[in-house]
Structure formats: structure tokens, C-alpha cells
Amino acid sequence: MALPLSLLTLLIAVTAVLVAVLVMRPSITTSQTGKIFAFFLLFLLPLICLGMGTSYHIERSKETTFCLSCHEMEPYGKSLLVDDPAHLPAAHFQNHRVPADVACYTCHTNSAMFGGFRAKMHGLRHVYIHYLSTPPAPENIKLYDAYNNRECLHCHLGARSFEEGAVHTADPDLLAAVKSNKISCVSSGCHDVVHGITSLNNAKFWKGGP
């Protein structure tokens, strides 16, 4: 678990005060104990603060509110509230088929061994583009790779509604093709409309909340 922000802030403040004392009274370092104390203050304690701060913000960056805090992602946030049970992201978000507080991270991080690491590397690129480059228009934002059925099957595989669904079982070869990633879950004729942000002007929105 990441350290709460208030405790992290307090730790940084204590570090700053102790370093200031050390700077104003360098004579403290004349003894061996003082040198150990100085090493702890100038190197180890800042590293601890850095590690805890990184941990805190990595956890915070998984939150749906964090993902939607950039203006270019606003339409994607609105799509989670579309009042239509057939709308894929809205149905998952509103019915808590994925954790609502980390919905973006859950669906857009692959479940492979280094999926989380890759997601964070992509996230750093997003931060760079947002602050130091020109973000694309929302409708021009694309996935880095084609969406892998693995991310859907991570939750749906074995579920009765998936395994015995009328659409999935109408063709005896369909389920096997989906499970082997030969047919994409988001291919034409299946769940081919995902966020559908270009049609949000005509959509009705759910007034509730997760």
C-alpha cells in the first residue's frame, strides 16, 4: 500500500528541516555519529521519500479520476455514463463489472507479466505529450496495439453468461476462435463500438453514480 499523502508530506517536511539544521550547523558532522547522521539525512532519507512518493503516485495514477483529469480524455469519461445497456464501457462501468475506481486501468492494462510496467511506460509518454507536445484530438486517440481478447477473457472466461450466451453459441466455432484470439471481441459485428465518442452528442446519460 502506498503511504498516505499527508504522512508523505510530513516526512518530506521533517527531512527538509533536519537538512537545514545540518547545513546551518556543519560541526555536527565532526564525529562518526554525526557523519552517519548526515549520510542518512542527505542520501537515505531523500531516497526513502522518493520511493514512497513514487509508490503513492503510481497507485494514484491507476484511478479513473486521474485518467480523466486531462481534458482530451473528457469524452471518454462521458462515455462511461451513457444510458444504454448495450454500450460496452458504460455497461461495465455502471454495473461494476470492473472496479469503477480503476476502470480505465483495468481495461487498458494487459494481464501479461509486464502489463502493468508497459502501461506505466505508456502513461509517462502520455504525460510528456500532454505537457510538452500537442495532444491529439480525442477522436484521434488510438490504442498502441490491437485490443487483445485476453483482457476480456481475464474476467469473462468461464462465466456462464459468456460461455452459454445465445450469440456466442449460435456458431459452434465462434467461442473457440474468440478464446484463441483469432476473432477479436471488438471486431465488426461483435463489440465493434466501444467508447463511440463521436456519437455522444446524441446519447442519453445516466444520472446516477458508481
C-alpha atoms as a PDB file:
ATOM      1  CA  MET A   1       0.000   0.000   0.000  1.00  0.00           C
ATOM      2  CA  ALA A   2       1.198   3.498  -0.790  1.00  0.00           C
ATOM      3  CA  LEU A   3       1.906   5.845   2.095  1.00  0.00           C
ATOM      4  CA  PRO A   4      -0.947   8.379   2.602  1.00  0.00           C
ATOM      5  CA  LEU A   5      -0.130  11.764   1.106  1.00  0.00           C
ATOM      6  CA  SER A   6      -0.355  13.551   4.483  1.00  0.00           C
ATOM      7  CA  LEU A   7       2.270  11.263   6.032  1.00  0.00           C
ATOM      8  CA  LEU A   8       4.478  11.531   2.965  1.00  0.00           C
ATOM      9  CA  THR A   9       4.269  15.333   3.104  1.00  0.00           C
ATOM     10  CA  LEU A  10       5.162  15.257   6.805  1.00  0.00           C
ATOM     11  CA  LEU A  11       8.170  13.027   6.114  1.00  0.00           C
ATOM     12  CA  ILE A  12       9.423  15.375   3.402  1.00  0.00           C
ATOM     13  CA  ALA A  13       8.975  18.371   5.725  1.00  0.00           C
ATOM     14  CA  VAL A  14      10.906  16.659   8.533  1.00  0.00           C
ATOM     15  CA  THR A  15      13.669  15.784   6.072  1.00  0.00           C
ATOM     16  CA  ALA A  16      13.894  19.394   4.886  1.00  0.00           C
ATOM     17  CA  VAL A  17      14.066  20.734   8.459  1.00  0.00           C
ATOM     18  CA  LEU A  18      16.776  18.275   9.509  1.00  0.00           C
ATOM     19  CA  VAL A  19      18.832  19.000   6.390  1.00  0.00           C
ATOM     20  CA  ALA A  20      18.509  22.726   7.135  1.00  0.00           C
ATOM     21  CA  VAL A  21      19.812  22.114  10.661  1.00  0.00           C
ATOM     22  CA  LEU A  22      22.721  20.164   9.223  1.00  0.00           C
ATOM     23  CA  VAL A  23      23.542  22.954   6.769  1.00  0.00           C
ATOM     24  CA  MET A  24      23.424  25.620   9.481  1.00  0.00           C
ATOM     25  CA  ARG A  25      25.475  23.527  11.927  1.00  0.00           C
ATOM     26  CA  PRO A  26      28.003  21.542   9.859  1.00  0.00           C
ATOM     27  CA  SER A  27      30.047  20.944  13.019  1.00  0.00           C
ATOM     28  CA  ILE A  28      27.601  18.129  13.793  1.00  0.00           C
ATOM     29  CA  THR A  29      29.451  16.010  11.237  1.00  0.00           C
ATOM     30  CA  THR A  30      32.787  16.084  13.051  1.00  0.00           C
ATOM     31  CA  SER A  31      32.060  12.886  14.982  1.00  0.00           C
ATOM     32  CA  GLN A  32      31.471   9.454  13.466  1.00  0.00           C
ATOM     33  CA  THR A  33      27.893   9.512  14.718  1.00  0.00           C
ATOM     34  CA  GLY A  34      27.399  12.903  13.083  1.00  0.00           C
ATOM     35  CA  LYS A  35      28.733  11.632   9.764  1.00  0.00           C
ATOM     36  CA  ILE A  36      26.346   8.686   9.861  1.00  0.00           C
ATOM     37  CA  PHE A  37      23.524  11.102  10.705  1.00  0.00           C
ATOM     38  CA  ALA A  38      24.500  13.373   7.780  1.00  0.00           C
ATOM     39  CA  PHE A  39      24.660  10.422   5.382  1.00  0.00           C
ATOM     40  CA  PHE A  40      21.187   9.339   6.487  1.00  0.00           C
ATOM     41  CA  LEU A  41      19.762  12.848   6.059  1.00  0.00           C
ATOM     42  CA  LEU A  42      21.409  13.717   2.751  1.00  0.00           C
ATOM     43  CA  PHE A  43      21.106  10.379   0.970  1.00  0.00           C
ATOM     44  CA  LEU A  44      18.990   7.691   2.602  1.00  0.00           C
ATOM     45  CA  LEU A  45      16.057   9.784   3.846  1.00  0.00           C
ATOM     46  CA  PRO A  46      15.574  11.582   0.489  1.00  0.00           C
ATOM     47  CA  LEU A  47      15.680   8.201  -1.261  1.00  0.00           C
ATOM     48  CA  ILE A  48      13.031   6.888   1.124  1.00  0.00           C
ATOM     49  CA  CYS A  49      10.868   9.944   0.399  1.00  0.00           C
ATOM     50  CA  LEU A  50      11.384   9.462  -3.336  1.00  0.00           C
ATOM     51  CA  GLY A  51      10.448   5.800  -3.163  1.00  0.00           C
ATOM     52  CA  MET A  52       7.344   6.442  -1.098  1.00  0.00           C
ATOM     53  CA  GLY A  53       6.308   9.348  -3.307  1.00  0.00           C
ATOM     54  CA  THR A  54       6.730   7.222  -6.426  1.00  0.00           C
ATOM     55  CA  SER A  55       4.686   4.431  -4.870  1.00  0.00           C
ATOM     56  CA  TYR A  56       1.927   6.863  -3.896  1.00  0.00           C
ATOM     57  CA  HIS A  57       1.646   8.408  -7.344  1.00  0.00           C
ATOM     58  CA  ILE A  58       1.843   5.071  -9.165  1.00  0.00           C
ATOM     59  CA  GLU A  59      -1.163   3.926  -7.153  1.00  0.00           C
ATOM     60  CA  ARG A  60      -2.951   7.239  -7.686  1.00  0.00           C
ATOM     61  CA  SER A  61      -2.359   7.092 -11.436  1.00  0.00           C
ATOM     62  CA  LYS A  62      -4.470   3.917 -11.589  1.00  0.00           C
ATOM     63  CA  GLU A  63      -7.574   5.834 -10.501  1.00  0.00           C
ATOM     64  CA  THR A  64     -10.302   6.568 -13.026  1.00  0.00           C
ATOM     65  CA  THR A  65     -10.459  10.186 -11.839  1.00  0.00           C
ATOM     66  CA  PHE A  66      -6.751  10.584 -12.570  1.00  0.00           C
ATOM     67  CA  CYS A  67      -7.089   9.184 -16.092  1.00  0.00           C
ATOM     68  CA  LEU A  68      -9.993  11.519 -16.847  1.00  0.00           C
ATOM     69  CA  SER A  69      -8.336  14.626 -15.373  1.00  0.00           C
ATOM     70  CA  CYS A  70      -6.824  15.533 -18.775  1.00  0.00           C
ATOM     71  CA  HIS A  71      -9.206  17.499 -20.993  1.00  0.00           C
ATOM     72  CA  GLU A  72      -8.558  15.287 -24.026  1.00  0.00           C
ATOM     73  CA  MET A  73      -9.920  12.312 -22.069  1.00  0.00           C
ATOM     74  CA  GLU A  74     -13.161  14.052 -21.050  1.00  0.00           C
ATOM     75  CA  PRO A  75     -15.292  12.449 -23.810  1.00  0.00           C
ATOM     76  CA  TYR A  76     -14.073   9.013 -22.764  1.00  0.00           C
ATOM     77  CA  GLY A  77     -15.222   9.763 -19.233  1.00  0.00           C
ATOM     78  CA  LYS A  78     -18.646  10.810 -20.533  1.00  0.00           C
ATOM     79  CA  SER A  79     -18.920   7.543 -22.447  1.00  0.00           C
ATOM     80  CA  LEU A  80     -18.850   5.667 -19.134  1.00  0.00           C
ATOM     81  CA  LEU A  81     -22.178   7.262 -18.249  1.00  0.00           C
ATOM     82  CA  VAL A  82     -24.077   6.543 -21.468  1.00  0.00           C
ATOM     83  CA  ASP A  83     -27.559   5.304 -20.525  1.00  0.00           C
ATOM     84  CA  ASP A  84     -27.560   2.266 -22.791  1.00  0.00           C
ATOM     85  CA  PRO A  85     -27.097  -1.328 -21.537  1.00  0.00           C
ATOM     86  CA  ALA A  86     -25.561  -2.287 -24.895  1.00  0.00           C
ATOM     87  CA  HIS A  87     -22.833   0.370 -24.657  1.00  0.00           C
ATOM     88  CA  LEU A  88     -19.742  -1.648 -23.759  1.00  0.00           C
ATOM     89  CA  PRO A  89     -17.715   0.673 -21.453  1.00  0.00           C
ATOM     90  CA  ALA A  90     -20.837   2.120 -19.824  1.00  0.00           C
ATOM     91  CA  ALA A  91     -22.293  -1.313 -19.066  1.00  0.00           C
ATOM     92  CA  HIS A  92     -19.036  -2.471 -17.485  1.00  0.00           C
ATOM     93  CA  PHE A  93     -18.516   0.741 -15.502  1.00  0.00           C
ATOM     94  CA  GLN A  94     -22.064   1.276 -14.257  1.00  0.00           C
ATOM     95  CA  ASN A  95     -22.607  -2.349 -13.269  1.00  0.00           C
ATOM     96  CA  HIS A  96     -19.187  -2.691 -11.622  1.00  0.00           C
ATOM     97  CA  ARG A  97     -18.125  -5.495 -13.934  1.00  0.00           C
ATOM     98  CA  VAL A  98     -14.777  -3.792 -13.489  1.00  0.00           C
ATOM     99  CA  PRO A  99     -13.816  -1.786 -10.366  1.00  0.00           C
ATOM    100  CA  ALA A 100     -15.279   1.656 -11.059  1.00  0.00           C
ATOM    101  CA  ASP A 101     -12.479   3.484  -9.261  1.00  0.00           C
ATOM    102  CA  VAL A 102      -9.813   1.916 -11.504  1.00  0.00           C
ATOM    103  CA  ALA A 103     -11.922   1.200 -14.600  1.00  0.00           C
ATOM    104  CA  CYS A 104      -9.549   2.686 -17.198  1.00  0.00           C
ATOM    105  CA  TYR A 105      -6.518   0.932 -15.749  1.00  0.00           C
ATOM    106  CA  THR A 106      -8.367  -2.396 -15.506  1.00  0.00           C
ATOM    107  CA  CYS A 107      -9.472  -2.468 -19.139  1.00  0.00           C
ATOM    108  CA  HIS A 108      -6.420  -0.852 -20.714  1.00  0.00           C
ATOM    109  CA  THR A 109      -3.663  -2.742 -18.900  1.00  0.00           C
ATOM    110  CA  ASN A 110      -2.930  -6.153 -20.294  1.00  0.00           C
ATOM    111  CA  SER A 111      -2.849  -9.064 -17.887  1.00  0.00           C
ATOM    112  CA  ALA A 112       0.554 -10.372 -19.004  1.00  0.00           C
ATOM    113  CA  MET A 113       3.502 -10.441 -16.596  1.00  0.00           C
ATOM    114  CA  PHE A 114       4.809  -6.984 -17.500  1.00  0.00           C
ATOM    115  CA  GLY A 115       1.453  -5.472 -18.443  1.00  0.00           C
ATOM    116  CA  GLY A 116       1.471  -3.003 -15.555  1.00  0.00           C
ATOM    117  CA  PHE A 117       5.025  -1.886 -16.365  1.00  0.00           C
ATOM    118  CA  ARG A 118       4.156  -1.310 -20.031  1.00  0.00           C
ATOM    119  CA  ALA A 119       1.063   0.639 -19.006  1.00  0.00           C
ATOM    120  CA  LYS A 120       3.158   2.941 -16.819  1.00  0.00           C
ATOM    121  CA  MET A 121       5.690   3.496 -19.614  1.00  0.00           C
ATOM    122  CA  HIS A 122       2.829   4.453 -21.929  1.00  0.00           C
ATOM    123  CA  GLY A 123       1.489   6.694 -19.174  1.00  0.00           C
ATOM    124  CA  LEU A 124       4.800   8.560 -18.957  1.00  0.00           C
ATOM    125  CA  ARG A 125       4.585   9.128 -22.698  1.00  0.00           C
ATOM    126  CA  HIS A 126       1.066  10.493 -22.256  1.00  0.00           C
ATOM    127  CA  VAL A 127       2.328  12.943 -19.620  1.00  0.00           C
ATOM    128  CA  TYR A 128       5.112  14.069 -21.950  1.00  0.00           C
ATOM    129  CA  ILE A 129       2.688  14.643 -24.831  1.00  0.00           C
ATOM    130  CA  HIS A 130       0.171  16.405 -22.586  1.00  0.00           C
ATOM    131  CA  TYR A 131       2.649  18.920 -21.159  1.00  0.00           C
ATOM    132  CA  LEU A 132       5.440  19.169 -23.715  1.00  0.00           C
ATOM    133  CA  SER A 133       3.801  18.373 -27.033  1.00  0.00           C
ATOM    134  CA  THR A 134       0.424  18.703 -28.748  1.00  0.00           C
ATOM    135  CA  PRO A 135      -2.174  16.177 -27.555  1.00  0.00           C
ATOM    136  CA  PRO A 136      -4.257  14.657 -30.357  1.00  0.00           C
ATOM    137  CA  ALA A 137      -7.948  15.411 -30.629  1.00  0.00           C
ATOM    138  CA  PRO A 138      -9.972  12.883 -28.581  1.00  0.00           C
ATOM    139  CA  GLU A 139     -11.333  11.181 -31.703  1.00  0.00           C
ATOM    140  CA  ASN A 140      -7.784  10.647 -32.988  1.00  0.00           C
ATOM    141  CA  ILE A 141      -6.506   8.874 -29.870  1.00  0.00           C
ATOM    142  CA  LYS A 142      -5.663   5.284 -30.765  1.00  0.00           C
ATOM    143  CA  LEU A 143      -4.534   2.187 -28.880  1.00  0.00           C
ATOM    144  CA  TYR A 144      -0.843   1.302 -29.149  1.00  0.00           C
ATOM    145  CA  ASP A 145      -1.733  -2.269 -30.117  1.00  0.00           C
ATOM    146  CA  ALA A 146      -4.866  -4.063 -31.254  1.00  0.00           C
ATOM    147  CA  TYR A 147      -7.044  -4.924 -28.254  1.00  0.00           C
ATOM    148  CA  ASN A 148      -6.273  -8.476 -27.197  1.00  0.00           C
ATOM    149  CA  ASN A 149      -9.151 -10.767 -26.210  1.00  0.00           C
ATOM    150  CA  ARG A 150      -7.003 -11.790 -23.248  1.00  0.00           C
ATOM    151  CA  GLU A 151      -8.082  -8.619 -21.437  1.00  0.00           C
ATOM    152  CA  CYS A 152     -11.759  -9.539 -21.857  1.00  0.00           C
ATOM    153  CA  LEU A 153     -11.263 -13.224 -21.074  1.00  0.00           C
ATOM    154  CA  HIS A 154      -9.354 -12.351 -17.918  1.00  0.00           C
ATOM    155  CA  CYS A 155     -12.781 -11.681 -16.367  1.00  0.00           C
ATOM    156  CA  HIS A 156     -15.308 -13.344 -18.685  1.00  0.00           C
ATOM    157  CA  LEU A 157     -13.708 -16.729 -19.321  1.00  0.00           C
ATOM    158  CA  GLY A 158     -15.758 -19.383 -17.548  1.00  0.00           C
ATOM    159  CA  ALA A 159     -18.658 -17.027 -16.796  1.00  0.00           C
ATOM    160  CA  ARG A 160     -21.994 -18.631 -17.630  1.00  0.00           C
ATOM    161  CA  SER A 161     -23.265 -15.526 -19.437  1.00  0.00           C
ATOM    162  CA  PHE A 162     -20.209 -15.686 -21.698  1.00  0.00           C
ATOM    163  CA  GLU A 163     -19.934 -19.441 -22.205  1.00  0.00           C
ATOM    164  CA  GLU A 164     -23.671 -20.004 -22.755  1.00  0.00           C
ATOM    165  CA  GLY A 165     -24.707 -16.698 -24.322  1.00  0.00           C
ATOM    166  CA  ALA A 166     -27.043 -17.090 -27.298  1.00  0.00           C
ATOM    167  CA  VAL A 167     -24.861 -15.024 -29.620  1.00  0.00           C
ATOM    168  CA  HIS A 168     -21.662 -16.783 -28.563  1.00  0.00           C
ATOM    169  CA  THR A 169     -23.115 -20.276 -29.061  1.00  0.00           C
ATOM    170  CA  ALA A 170     -25.046 -19.616 -32.303  1.00  0.00           C
ATOM    171  CA  ASP A 171     -21.928 -20.530 -34.253  1.00  0.00           C
ATOM    172  CA  PRO A 172     -20.195 -23.595 -32.776  1.00  0.00           C
ATOM    173  CA  ASP A 173     -16.795 -22.319 -33.898  1.00  0.00           C
ATOM    174  CA  LEU A 174     -17.140 -18.794 -32.528  1.00  0.00           C
ATOM    175  CA  LEU A 175     -16.188 -19.312 -28.891  1.00  0.00           C
ATOM    176  CA  ALA A 176     -13.077 -21.281 -29.777  1.00  0.00           C
ATOM    177  CA  ALA A 177     -11.999 -18.556 -32.200  1.00  0.00           C
ATOM    178  CA  VAL A 178     -12.577 -15.850 -29.586  1.00  0.00           C
ATOM    179  CA  LYS A 179     -10.658 -17.752 -26.909  1.00  0.00           C
ATOM    180  CA  SER A 180      -7.719 -18.239 -29.257  1.00  0.00           C
ATOM    181  CA  ASN A 181      -7.793 -14.549 -30.268  1.00  0.00           C
ATOM    182  CA  LYS A 182      -8.480 -15.454 -33.912  1.00  0.00           C
ATOM    183  CA  ILE A 183     -11.647 -13.333 -33.825  1.00  0.00           C
ATOM    184  CA  SER A 184     -11.445 -10.106 -31.848  1.00  0.00           C
ATOM    185  CA  CYS A 185     -14.101  -9.274 -29.281  1.00  0.00           C
ATOM    186  CA  VAL A 186     -14.162  -5.765 -30.751  1.00  0.00           C
ATOM    187  CA  SER A 187     -14.291  -6.843 -34.407  1.00  0.00           C
ATOM    188  CA  SER A 188     -17.033  -5.817 -36.813  1.00  0.00           C
ATOM    189  CA  GLY A 189     -20.330  -7.453 -35.949  1.00  0.00           C
ATOM    190  CA  CYS A 190     -19.296  -8.087 -32.345  1.00  0.00           C
ATOM    191  CA  HIS A 191     -18.496  -5.352 -29.811  1.00  0.00           C
ATOM    192  CA  ASP A 192     -17.227  -3.077 -32.560  1.00  0.00           C
ATOM    193  CA  VAL A 193     -18.468   0.151 -30.947  1.00  0.00           C
ATOM    194  CA  VAL A 194     -16.530   0.769 -27.765  1.00  0.00           C
ATOM    195  CA  HIS A 195     -16.393   4.334 -26.408  1.00  0.00           C
ATOM    196  CA  GLY A 196     -18.069   5.778 -29.505  1.00  0.00           C
ATOM    197  CA  ILE A 197     -17.160   9.333 -28.526  1.00  0.00           C
ATOM    198  CA  THR A 198     -18.128  10.792 -31.913  1.00  0.00           C
ATOM    199  CA  SER A 199     -21.786   9.978 -31.256  1.00  0.00           C
ATOM    200  CA  LEU A 200     -22.027  11.244 -27.676  1.00  0.00           C
ATOM    201  CA  ASN A 201     -23.961  14.364 -28.712  1.00  0.00           C
ATOM    202  CA  ASN A 202     -26.965  12.152 -29.405  1.00  0.00           C
ATOM    203  CA  ALA A 203     -26.604   9.959 -26.325  1.00  0.00           C
ATOM    204  CA  LYS A 204     -28.590   9.935 -23.101  1.00  0.00           C
ATOM    205  CA  PHE A 205     -26.609   9.804 -19.897  1.00  0.00           C
ATOM    206  CA  TRP A 206     -27.103   8.016 -16.603  1.00  0.00           C
ATOM    207  CA  LYS A 207     -27.657  10.451 -13.757  1.00  0.00           C
ATOM    208  CA  GLY A 208     -26.520   8.078 -11.021  1.00  0.00           C
ATOM    209  CA  GLY A 209     -23.028   7.231  -9.900  1.00  0.00           C
ATOM    210  CA  PRO A 210     -20.922   4.193  -9.042  1.00  0.00           C
END
